[in-house]
Each structure stands twice: as C-alpha cells, then as structure tokens.
Amino acid sequence: MNKEELYMEDNINDENEEYVLTEWACLYLTLLDYGIDASHIPGKVGEHIVEDFMEMMEKAGYMRKGE
C-alpha cells in the first residue's frame, strides 16, 4: 500500500478504529506532505524538533497523549 492509499476513505474499515504512530512517524509524514526531506536531521536535533512538534499538535487539539 502506498502513501496515497493510506489516506483513501475506502481503506477505513471502522470509524472507531485507532492507530498508534511513533512521534517521529507523525513528524516525518507531516514533513513529507510538505515536500521536506528529513532524512538528514541528526538524532539529538531530531529529538528536540519532535518534542516541539508534538507539544504544538497537542495544544492545537490534533492529538492527545496515550496512556
């Protein structure tokens, strides 16, 4: 399944279905959507970017912290 197929409504089987992604996966896919190659970001810098990104996504109401 390619990236475009992941977003197609036909692939949603259950509206109550939940997906769990790593924090890096959320950021990486967002950057890819904007055409930004993040493969060159070093580990420590990436950690700080991910922390900031996740904090802003939570504040905006797009995601919540899991238990």
PDB file of N, CA and C in Angstrom:
ATOM      1  N   MET A   1       0.853  -1.175   0.000  1.00  0.00           N
ATOM      2  CA  MET A   1       0.000   0.000   0.000  1.00  0.00           C
ATOM      3  C   MET A   1       0.896   1.235   0.000  1.00  0.00           C
ATOM      4  N   ASN A   2       0.660   2.159  -0.929  1.00  0.00           N
ATOM      5  CA  ASN A   2       1.489   3.358  -0.967  1.00  0.00           C
ATOM      6  C   ASN A   2       0.884   4.465  -0.097  1.00  0.00           C
ATOM      7  N   LYS A   3       1.601   5.570   0.021  1.00  0.00           N
ATOM      8  CA  LYS A   3       1.210   6.656   0.918  1.00  0.00           C
ATOM      9  C   LYS A   3      -0.172   7.208   0.584  1.00  0.00           C
ATOM     10  N   GLU A   4      -0.478   7.375  -0.703  1.00  0.00           N
ATOM     11  CA  GLU A   4      -1.774   7.912  -1.105  1.00  0.00           C
ATOM     12  C   GLU A   4      -2.915   6.990  -0.695  1.00  0.00           C
ATOM     13  N   GLU A   5      -2.688   5.684  -0.784  1.00  0.00           N
ATOM     14  CA  GLU A   5      -3.729   4.725  -0.426  1.00  0.00           C
ATOM     15  C   GLU A   5      -4.043   4.750   1.070  1.00  0.00           C
ATOM     16  N   LEU A   6      -3.085   5.164   1.891  1.00  0.00           N
ATOM     17  CA  LEU A   6      -3.312   5.235   3.329  1.00  0.00           C
ATOM     18  C   LEU A   6      -4.389   6.256   3.672  1.00  0.00           C
ATOM     19  N   TYR A   7      -4.525   7.281   2.834  1.00  0.00           N
ATOM     20  CA  TYR A   7      -5.449   8.357   3.127  1.00  0.00           C
ATOM     21  C   TYR A   7      -6.819   8.184   2.471  1.00  0.00           C
ATOM     22  N   MET A   8      -6.993   7.160   1.651  1.00  0.00           N
ATOM     23  CA  MET A   8      -8.251   6.969   0.936  1.00  0.00           C
ATOM     24  C   MET A   8      -9.347   6.499   1.888  1.00  0.00           C
ATOM     25  N   GLU A   9     -10.538   7.088   1.768  1.00  0.00           N
ATOM     26  CA  GLU A   9     -11.653   6.723   2.644  1.00  0.00           C
ATOM     27  C   GLU A   9     -12.043   5.259   2.495  1.00  0.00           C
ATOM     28  N   ASP A  10     -11.857   4.685   1.319  1.00  0.00           N
ATOM     29  CA  ASP A  10     -12.232   3.288   1.091  1.00  0.00           C
ATOM     30  C   ASP A  10     -11.464   2.342   2.005  1.00  0.00           C
ATOM     31  N   ASN A  11     -10.316   2.773   2.501  1.00  0.00           N
ATOM     32  CA  ASN A  11      -9.494   1.911   3.336  1.00  0.00           C
ATOM     33  C   ASN A  11      -9.858   1.993   4.817  1.00  0.00           C
ATOM     34  N   ILE A  12     -10.821   2.830   5.168  1.00  0.00           N
ATOM     35  CA  ILE A  12     -11.249   2.946   6.559  1.00  0.00           C
ATOM     36  C   ILE A  12     -12.338   1.910   6.803  1.00  0.00           C
ATOM     37  N   ASN A  13     -12.033   0.919   7.631  1.00  0.00           N
ATOM     38  CA  ASN A  13     -12.953  -0.181   7.872  1.00  0.00           C
ATOM     39  C   ASN A  13     -13.890   0.075   9.040  1.00  0.00           C
ATOM     40  N   ASP A  14     -13.448   0.806  10.017  1.00  0.00           N
ATOM     41  CA  ASP A  14     -14.231   1.017  11.223  1.00  0.00           C
ATOM     42  C   ASP A  14     -13.954   2.423  11.727  1.00  0.00           C
ATOM     43  N   GLU A  15     -14.997   3.214  11.867  1.00  0.00           N
ATOM     44  CA  GLU A  15     -14.784   4.597  12.291  1.00  0.00           C
ATOM     45  C   GLU A  15     -14.258   4.695  13.715  1.00  0.00           C
ATOM     46  N   ASN A  16     -14.363   3.633  14.497  1.00  0.00           N
ATOM     47  CA  ASN A  16     -13.843   3.624  15.864  1.00  0.00           C
ATOM     48  C   ASN A  16     -12.424   3.068  15.937  1.00  0.00           C
ATOM     49  N   GLU A  17     -11.879   2.695  14.800  1.00  0.00           N
ATOM     50  CA  GLU A  17     -10.537   2.133  14.748  1.00  0.00           C
ATOM     51  C   GLU A  17      -9.513   3.213  15.104  1.00  0.00           C
ATOM     52  N   GLU A  18      -8.529   2.856  15.909  1.00  0.00           N
ATOM     53  CA  GLU A  18      -7.486   3.788  16.313  1.00  0.00           C
ATOM     54  C   GLU A  18      -6.133   3.304  15.827  1.00  0.00           C
ATOM     55  N   TYR A  19      -5.267   4.237  15.512  1.00  0.00           N
ATOM     56  CA  TYR A  19      -3.918   3.920  15.071  1.00  0.00           C
ATOM     57  C   TYR A  19      -2.934   4.555  16.035  1.00  0.00           C
ATOM     58  N   VAL A  20      -1.849   3.881  16.298  1.00  0.00           N
ATOM     59  CA  VAL A  20      -0.806   4.410  17.161  1.00  0.00           C
ATOM     60  C   VAL A  20       0.455   4.547  16.316  1.00  0.00           C
ATOM     61  N   LEU A  21       0.959   5.775  16.251  1.00  0.00           N
ATOM     62  CA  LEU A  21       2.174   6.057  15.496  1.00  0.00           C
ATOM     63  C   LEU A  21       3.235   6.584  16.457  1.00  0.00           C
ATOM     64  N   THR A  22       4.481   6.362  16.113  1.00  0.00           N
ATOM     65  CA  THR A  22       5.544   6.955  16.914  1.00  0.00           C
ATOM     66  C   THR A  22       5.530   8.463  16.689  1.00  0.00           C
ATOM     67  N   GLU A  23       6.103   9.183  17.617  1.00  0.00           N
ATOM     68  CA  GLU A  23       6.175  10.635  17.474  1.00  0.00           C
ATOM     69  C   GLU A  23       6.959  11.018  16.225  1.00  0.00           C
ATOM     70  N   TRP A  24       8.064  10.324  15.982  1.00  0.00           N
ATOM     71  CA  TRP A  24       8.872  10.613  14.804  1.00  0.00           C
ATOM     72  C   TRP A  24       8.073  10.347  13.533  1.00  0.00           C
ATOM     73  N   ALA A  25       7.284   9.281  13.498  1.00  0.00           N
ATOM     74  CA  ALA A  25       6.483   8.964  12.311  1.00  0.00           C
ATOM     75  C   ALA A  25       5.497  10.088  12.018  1.00  0.00           C
ATOM     76  N   CYS A  26       4.870  10.640  13.044  1.00  0.00           N
ATOM     77  CA  CYS A  26       3.929  11.753  12.850  1.00  0.00           C
ATOM     78  C   CYS A  26       4.625  12.955  12.223  1.00  0.00           C
ATOM     79  N   LEU A  27       5.758  13.321  12.764  1.00  0.00           N
ATOM     80  CA  LEU A  27       6.503  14.461  12.233  1.00  0.00           C
ATOM     81  C   LEU A  27       7.020  14.170  10.836  1.00  0.00           C
ATOM     82  N   TYR A  28       7.593  12.998  10.639  1.00  0.00           N
ATOM     83  CA  TYR A  28       8.182  12.643   9.349  1.00  0.00           C
ATOM     84  C   TYR A  28       7.138  12.680   8.228  1.00  0.00           C
ATOM     85  N   LEU A  29       5.963  12.120   8.475  1.00  0.00           N
ATOM     86  CA  LEU A  29       4.904  12.118   7.462  1.00  0.00           C
ATOM     87  C   LEU A  29       4.387  13.527   7.187  1.00  0.00           C
ATOM     88  N   THR A  30       4.337  14.357   8.220  1.00  0.00           N
ATOM     89  CA  THR A  30       3.923  15.747   8.016  1.00  0.00           C
ATOM     90  C   THR A  30       4.935  16.480   7.147  1.00  0.00           C
ATOM     91  N   LEU A  31       6.207  16.303   7.446  1.00  0.00           N
ATOM     92  CA  LEU A  31       7.246  16.942   6.636  1.00  0.00           C
ATOM     93  C   LEU A  31       7.209  16.442   5.199  1.00  0.00           C
ATOM     94  N   LEU A  32       7.002  15.145   5.000  1.00  0.00           N
ATOM     95  CA  LEU A  32       6.897  14.598   3.646  1.00  0.00           C
ATOM     96  C   LEU A  32       5.742  15.225   2.873  1.00  0.00           C
ATOM     97  N   ASP A  33       4.623  15.462   3.547  1.00  0.00           N
ATOM     98  CA  ASP A  33       3.469  16.097   2.894  1.00  0.00           C
ATOM     99  C   ASP A  33       3.820  17.484   2.368  1.00  0.00           C
ATOM    100  N   TYR A  34       4.766  18.141   3.020  1.00  0.00           N
ATOM    101  CA  TYR A  34       5.200  19.467   2.584  1.00  0.00           C
ATOM    102  C   TYR A  34       6.447  19.414   1.692  1.00  0.00           C
ATOM    103  N   GLY A  35       6.843  18.211   1.311  1.00  0.00           N
ATOM    104  CA  GLY A  35       7.983  18.063   0.412  1.00  0.00           C
ATOM    105  C   GLY A  35       9.331  18.285   1.074  1.00  0.00           C
ATOM    106  N   ILE A  36       9.400  18.117   2.378  1.00  0.00           N
ATOM    107  CA  ILE A  36      10.646  18.342   3.118  1.00  0.00           C
ATOM    108  C   ILE A  36      11.298  17.001   3.440  1.00  0.00           C
ATOM    109  N   ASP A  37      12.549  16.846   3.006  1.00  0.00           N
ATOM    110  CA  ASP A  37      13.313  15.629   3.284  1.00  0.00           C
ATOM    111  C   ASP A  37      13.947  15.751   4.666  1.00  0.00           C
ATOM    112  N   ALA A  38      13.532  14.894   5.587  1.00  0.00           N
ATOM    113  CA  ALA A  38      14.032  14.962   6.960  1.00  0.00           C
ATOM    114  C   ALA A  38      15.082  13.901   7.254  1.00  0.00           C
ATOM    115  N   SER A  39      15.521  13.173   6.253  1.00  0.00           N
ATOM    116  CA  SER A  39      16.449  12.067   6.476  1.00  0.00           C
ATOM    117  C   SER A  39      17.825  12.523   6.965  1.00  0.00           C
ATOM    118  N   HIS A  40      18.161  13.780   6.785  1.00  0.00           N
ATOM    119  CA  HIS A  40      19.483  14.283   7.165  1.00  0.00           C
ATOM    120  C   HIS A  40      19.521  14.889   8.578  1.00  0.00           C
ATOM    121  N   ILE A  41      18.391  14.917   9.270  1.00  0.00           N
ATOM    122  CA  ILE A  41      18.336  15.541  10.598  1.00  0.00           C
ATOM    123  C   ILE A  41      19.023  14.624  11.619  1.00  0.00           C
ATOM    124  N   PRO A  42      20.040  15.142  12.339  1.00  0.00           N
ATOM    125  CA  PRO A  42      20.742  14.319  13.327  1.00  0.00           C
ATOM    126  C   PRO A  42      19.847  13.977  14.522  1.00  0.00           C
ATOM    127  N   GLY A  43      20.177  12.893  15.215  1.00  0.00           N
ATOM    128  CA  GLY A  43      19.371  12.360  16.300  1.00  0.00           C
ATOM    129  C   GLY A  43      18.978  13.352  17.376  1.00  0.00           C
ATOM    130  N   LYS A  44      19.919  14.051  17.965  1.00  0.00           N
ATOM    131  CA  LYS A  44      19.610  14.956  19.078  1.00  0.00           C
ATOM    132  C   LYS A  44      18.763  16.135  18.607  1.00  0.00           C
ATOM    133  N   VAL A  45      19.078  16.686  17.462  1.00  0.00           N
ATOM    134  CA  VAL A  45      18.283  17.781  16.904  1.00  0.00           C
ATOM    135  C   VAL A  45      16.872  17.276  16.591  1.00  0.00           C
ATOM    136  N   GLY A  46      16.792  16.075  16.025  1.00  0.00           N
ATOM    137  CA  GLY A  46      15.500  15.470  15.715  1.00  0.00           C
ATOM    138  C   GLY A  46      14.642  15.291  16.953  1.00  0.00           C
ATOM    139  N   GLU A  47      15.258  14.884  18.055  1.00  0.00           N
ATOM    140  CA  GLU A  47      14.517  14.710  19.314  1.00  0.00           C
ATOM    141  C   GLU A  47      13.875  16.018  19.774  1.00  0.00           C
ATOM    142  N   HIS A  48      14.626  17.111  19.688  1.00  0.00           N
ATOM    143  CA  HIS A  48      14.099  18.412  20.101  1.00  0.00           C
ATOM    144  C   HIS A  48      12.980  18.876  19.164  1.00  0.00           C
ATOM    145  N   ILE A  49      13.155  18.658  17.885  1.00  0.00           N
ATOM    146  CA  ILE A  49      12.116  19.035  16.913  1.00  0.00           C
ATOM    147  C   ILE A  49      10.849  18.235  17.170  1.00  0.00           C
ATOM    148  N   VAL A  50      10.999  16.943  17.412  1.00  0.00           N
ATOM    149  CA  VAL A  50       9.837  16.082  17.668  1.00  0.00           C
ATOM    150  C   VAL A  50       9.114  16.540  18.929  1.00  0.00           C
ATOM    151  N   GLU A  51       9.850  16.844  19.991  1.00  0.00           N
ATOM    152  CA  GLU A  51       9.228  17.312  21.235  1.00  0.00           C
ATOM    153  C   GLU A  51       8.407  18.577  20.989  1.00  0.00           C
ATOM    154  N   ASP A  52       8.981  19.537  20.286  1.00  0.00           N
ATOM    155  CA  ASP A  52       8.272  20.784  19.992  1.00  0.00           C
ATOM    156  C   ASP A  52       7.049  20.524  19.114  1.00  0.00           C
ATOM    157  N   PHE A  53       7.213  19.694  18.098  1.00  0.00           N
ATOM    158  CA  PHE A  53       6.117  19.367  17.177  1.00  0.00           C
ATOM    159  C   PHE A  53       4.963  18.706  17.919  1.00  0.00           C
ATOM    160  N   MET A  54       5.266  17.719  18.750  1.00  0.00           N
ATOM    161  CA  MET A  54       4.210  17.006  19.467  1.00  0.00           C
ATOM    162  C   MET A  54       3.491  17.933  20.443  1.00  0.00           C
ATOM    163  N   GLU A  55       4.221  18.799  21.096  1.00  0.00           N
ATOM    164  CA  GLU A  55       3.608  19.757  22.021  1.00  0.00           C
ATOM    165  C   GLU A  55       2.629  20.665  21.274  1.00  0.00           C
ATOM    166  N   MET A  56       3.022  21.152  20.115  1.00  0.00           N
ATOM    167  CA  MET A  56       2.154  22.037  19.342  1.00  0.00           C
ATOM    168  C   MET A  56       0.938  21.287  18.778  1.00  0.00           C
ATOM    169  N   MET A  57       1.124  20.034  18.357  1.00  0.00           N
ATOM    170  CA  MET A  57      -0.002  19.247  17.842  1.00  0.00           C
ATOM    171  C   MET A  57      -1.014  18.979  18.951  1.00  0.00           C
ATOM    172  N   GLU A  58      -0.533  18.734  20.159  1.00  0.00           N
ATOM    173  CA  GLU A  58      -1.429  18.506  21.297  1.00  0.00           C
ATOM    174  C   GLU A  58      -2.174  19.792  21.657  1.00  0.00           C
ATOM    175  N   LYS A  59      -1.457  20.903  21.709  1.00  0.00           N
ATOM    176  CA  LYS A  59      -2.088  22.190  22.027  1.00  0.00           C
ATOM    177  C   LYS A  59      -3.147  22.558  20.993  1.00  0.00           C
ATOM    178  N   ALA A  60      -2.907  22.194  19.737  1.00  0.00           N
ATOM    179  CA  ALA A  60      -3.859  22.507  18.665  1.00  0.00           C
ATOM    180  C   ALA A  60      -5.043  21.557  18.651  1.00  0.00           C
ATOM    181  N   GLY A  61      -4.962  20.472  19.430  1.00  0.00           N
ATOM    182  CA  GLY A  61      -6.066  19.536  19.524  1.00  0.00           C
ATOM    183  C   GLY A  61      -6.077  18.445  18.473  1.00  0.00           C
ATOM    184  N   TYR A  62      -4.972  18.279  17.740  1.00  0.00           N
ATOM    185  CA  TYR A  62      -4.907  17.243  16.707  1.00  0.00           C
ATOM    186  C   TYR A  62      -4.607  15.864  17.264  1.00  0.00           C
ATOM    187  N   MET A  63      -3.979  15.812  18.420  1.00  0.00           N
ATOM    188  CA  MET A  63      -3.655  14.517  19.022  1.00  0.00           C
ATOM    189  C   MET A  63      -3.636  14.663  20.525  1.00  0.00           C
ATOM    190  N   ARG A  64      -3.625  13.506  21.167  1.00  0.00           N
ATOM    191  CA  ARG A  64      -3.552  13.505  22.623  1.00  0.00           C
ATOM    192  C   ARG A  64      -2.515  12.482  23.047  1.00  0.00           C
ATOM    193  N   LYS A  65      -1.993  12.647  24.235  1.00  0.00           N
ATOM    194  CA  LYS A  65      -1.004  11.714  24.758  1.00  0.00           C
ATOM    195  C   LYS A  65      -1.686  10.419  25.130  1.00  0.00           C
ATOM    196  N   GLY A  66      -1.049   9.312  24.769  1.00  0.00           N
ATOM    197  CA  GLY A  66      -1.569   7.992  25.126  1.00  0.00           C
ATOM    198  C   GLY A  66      -1.236   7.659  26.565  1.00  0.00           C
ATOM    199  N   GLU A  67      -1.871   6.636  27.032  1.00  0.00           N
ATOM    200  CA  GLU A  67      -1.639   6.219  28.410  1.00  0.00           C
ATOM    201  C   GLU A  67      -0.725   5.043  28.476  1.00  0.00           C
TER     202      GLU A  67
END
